Structures are given as C-alpha cells and as structure tokens.
Protein backbone atom coordinates (compact mmCIF):
# COMPACT_ATOMS: atom_id res chain seq x y z
CA UNK A 1 6.69 35.80 64.50
CA UNK A 2 4.88 38.73 66.12
CA UNK A 3 3.09 39.47 62.85
CA UNK A 4 1.89 35.86 62.64
CA UNK A 5 0.43 36.10 66.14
CA UNK A 6 -1.22 39.45 65.40
CA UNK A 7 -2.52 38.06 62.10
CA UNK A 8 -4.04 35.11 63.95
CA UNK A 9 -5.74 37.40 66.43
CA UNK A 10 -7.05 39.62 63.62
CA UNK A 11 -8.40 36.61 61.72
CA UNK A 12 -10.06 35.28 64.85
CA UNK A 13 -11.73 38.63 65.43
CA UNK A 14 -12.79 38.85 61.80
CA UNK A 15 -14.50 35.48 61.91
CA UNK A 16 -16.12 35.90 65.33
CA UNK A 17 -17.20 39.56 65.50
CA UNK A 18 -20.30 39.12 63.35
CA UNK A 19 -21.39 35.97 65.15
CA UNK A 20 -20.98 37.70 68.53
CA UNK A 21 -23.01 40.65 67.32
CA UNK A 22 -25.71 38.33 65.94
CA UNK A 23 -26.08 36.34 69.18
CA UNK A 24 -26.26 39.49 71.33
CA UNK A 25 -28.75 41.16 68.99
CA UNK A 26 -30.84 37.98 68.83
CA UNK A 27 -31.01 37.78 72.62
CA UNK A 28 -31.67 41.52 72.98
CA UNK A 29 -34.68 41.30 70.69
CA UNK A 30 -36.03 38.22 72.49
CA UNK A 31 -36.26 35.92 69.49
CA UNK A 32 -36.71 32.18 69.96
CA UNK A 33 -33.44 30.33 70.60
CA UNK A 34 -34.07 27.76 67.86
CA UNK A 35 -34.06 30.56 65.28
CA UNK A 36 -30.40 31.21 66.07
CA UNK A 37 -29.29 27.74 64.97
CA UNK A 38 -31.45 28.01 61.85
CA UNK A 39 -29.84 31.36 61.04
CA UNK A 40 -26.32 29.98 61.48
CA UNK A 41 -27.03 26.91 59.33
CA UNK A 42 -28.43 29.08 56.55
CA UNK A 43 -25.48 31.46 56.86
CA UNK A 44 -23.03 28.60 56.45
CA UNK A 45 -24.72 27.25 53.33
CA UNK A 46 -25.89 30.47 51.68
CA UNK A 47 -23.50 33.00 53.15
CA UNK A 48 -20.28 31.03 52.95
CA UNK A 49 -20.73 28.29 50.39
CA UNK A 50 -23.06 29.63 47.76
CA UNK A 51 -21.71 33.18 47.81
CA UNK A 52 -18.13 31.89 47.51
CA UNK A 53 -19.08 29.83 44.46
CA UNK A 54 -20.92 32.76 42.85
CA UNK A 55 -18.02 35.11 43.60
CA UNK A 56 -15.61 32.68 41.95
CA UNK A 57 -17.81 32.41 38.87
CA UNK A 58 -18.18 36.20 38.71
CA UNK A 59 -14.42 36.67 39.07
CA UNK A 60 -13.85 34.14 36.31
CA UNK A 61 -16.31 36.02 34.11
CA UNK A 62 -14.47 39.29 34.72
CA UNK A 63 -11.06 37.84 33.91
CA UNK A 64 -11.92 35.33 31.19
CA UNK A 65 -14.97 36.38 29.22
CA UNK A 66 -14.81 40.14 29.74
CA UNK A 67 -10.97 40.27 29.66
CA UNK A 68 -10.78 42.97 32.31
CA UNK A 69 -7.41 41.81 33.62
CA UNK A 70 -6.19 39.64 36.49
CA UNK A 71 -6.97 42.21 39.21
CA UNK A 72 -10.59 42.77 38.13
CA UNK A 73 -12.01 40.36 40.79
CA UNK A 74 -10.22 42.33 43.53
CA UNK A 75 -11.56 45.62 42.14
CA UNK A 76 -15.07 44.16 42.04
CA UNK A 77 -14.67 42.87 45.60
CA UNK A 78 -13.85 46.37 46.83
CA UNK A 79 -17.04 47.68 45.22
CA UNK A 80 -19.13 44.97 46.91
CA UNK A 81 -17.32 45.67 50.19
CA UNK A 82 -18.24 49.36 49.96
CA UNK A 83 -21.88 48.51 49.22
CA UNK A 84 -22.00 46.10 52.16
CA UNK A 85 -20.38 48.67 54.44
CA UNK A 86 -22.98 51.29 53.44
CA UNK A 87 -25.82 48.87 54.15
CA UNK A 88 -24.37 47.88 57.55
CA UNK A 89 -23.67 51.46 58.64
CA UNK A 90 -27.16 52.61 57.67
CA UNK A 91 -29.21 49.72 59.03
CA UNK A 92 -27.42 47.95 61.91
CA UNK A 93 -27.60 49.17 65.48
CA UNK A 94 -24.58 49.54 67.73
CA UNK A 95 -24.21 46.58 70.07
CA UNK A 96 -22.48 47.15 73.39
CA UNK A 97 -22.98 43.60 74.65
CA UNK A 98 -24.75 42.59 77.82
CA UNK A 99 -25.00 45.68 80.00
CA UNK A 100 -25.93 43.59 83.07
CA UNK A 101 -22.30 42.45 83.32
CA UNK A 102 -20.17 45.51 83.90
CA UNK A 103 -16.70 43.99 83.99
CA UNK A 104 -13.51 45.91 83.43
CA UNK A 105 -11.23 45.03 80.54
CA UNK A 106 -8.67 43.09 82.60
CA UNK A 107 -11.40 40.90 84.14
CA UNK A 108 -12.64 40.07 80.65
CA UNK A 109 -9.09 39.24 79.49
CA UNK A 110 -8.59 36.98 82.52
CA UNK A 111 -11.84 35.16 81.74
CA UNK A 112 -10.75 34.71 78.12
CA UNK A 113 -7.34 33.39 79.20
CA UNK A 114 -8.99 30.86 81.53
CA UNK A 115 -11.29 29.72 78.71
CA UNK A 116 -8.36 29.33 76.33
CA UNK A 117 -6.26 27.50 78.94
CA UNK A 118 -9.08 25.10 79.73
CA UNK A 119 -9.35 24.26 76.03
CA UNK A 120 -5.65 23.40 75.90
CA UNK A 121 -6.15 20.54 78.35
CA UNK A 122 -8.07 18.54 75.75
CA UNK A 123 -6.34 15.37 74.57
CA UNK A 124 -4.45 15.86 71.31
CA UNK A 125 -5.93 14.50 68.10
CA UNK A 126 -4.48 11.27 66.88
CA UNK A 127 -2.76 11.73 63.55
CA UNK A 128 -1.81 8.07 63.23
CA UNK A 129 -4.81 7.14 61.08
CA UNK A 130 -4.35 7.92 57.42
CA UNK A 131 -6.88 7.73 54.65
CA UNK A 132 -6.40 4.64 52.48
CA UNK A 133 -9.22 5.26 50.03
CA UNK A 134 -11.00 2.06 51.00
CA UNK A 135 -14.62 2.17 52.12
C-alpha cells in the first residue's frame, strides 16, 4: 500500500514538474499570459498526442519490420531520453520559483494540504448514467 501511495506521488510530480517550471519561467521572462495557454494547447496536441503516435509507429517498425526484438522500443526510448536529458541540461536554466515568497517547507506543505482538503469537499461524480450508444 505504501508503494502505491509513493508511486502516486511520484507520478503526480512527474506530470506537474515541467508545467510548474514552464509557468514560472514564462512569468519570469514577462511573456504575455495568452501565450501560456497557446503553449499548453500545442503541447497537448503535438507533445502528447502526435509524439505518442509517432513513438508507437517507430516502436512497431523496430519490432516488426526491422526484427530487432521485443525490447527494441525500450532501448530506443532510453536513447531518446538521454538525448532529451542532454538538451535540457545544456539549455534550460535552474528555476527556484518565486523568490518574493520565502516560505519554509512546512508552511508550503500546510498550504498544499489545505488546497487538497478543499478539493475533497466537491460533490462526488454521479456514476449512475451509463452510455447506451444512442445519440
């Protein structure tokens, strides 16, 4: 059970760290706010959707047409991960967040706990409606 909780936290961090960095960097550089929503919409289509499709096709090519074995897509992914890491390390700046708010770690955790608790007071979703296939 502990590993499931830690895995959930790790996944949450994985999927929010880049977005947090992007918003802070965007604000630090003084770009227009509307550009941020444009960037996120392009990232969802191009970064998530299109790249996932291309990665699947490339993995299929490695396994099927080139007959490199069933683990070839994972090997290729590690190469692309290393290339991406090299690009990020060499070109991105370190982001320490908003320096105007100097809060200690426990204050930040308390604020996060309040935000999470306030989200739990939302009414639960109704699961009574099922899809019938009719328009």
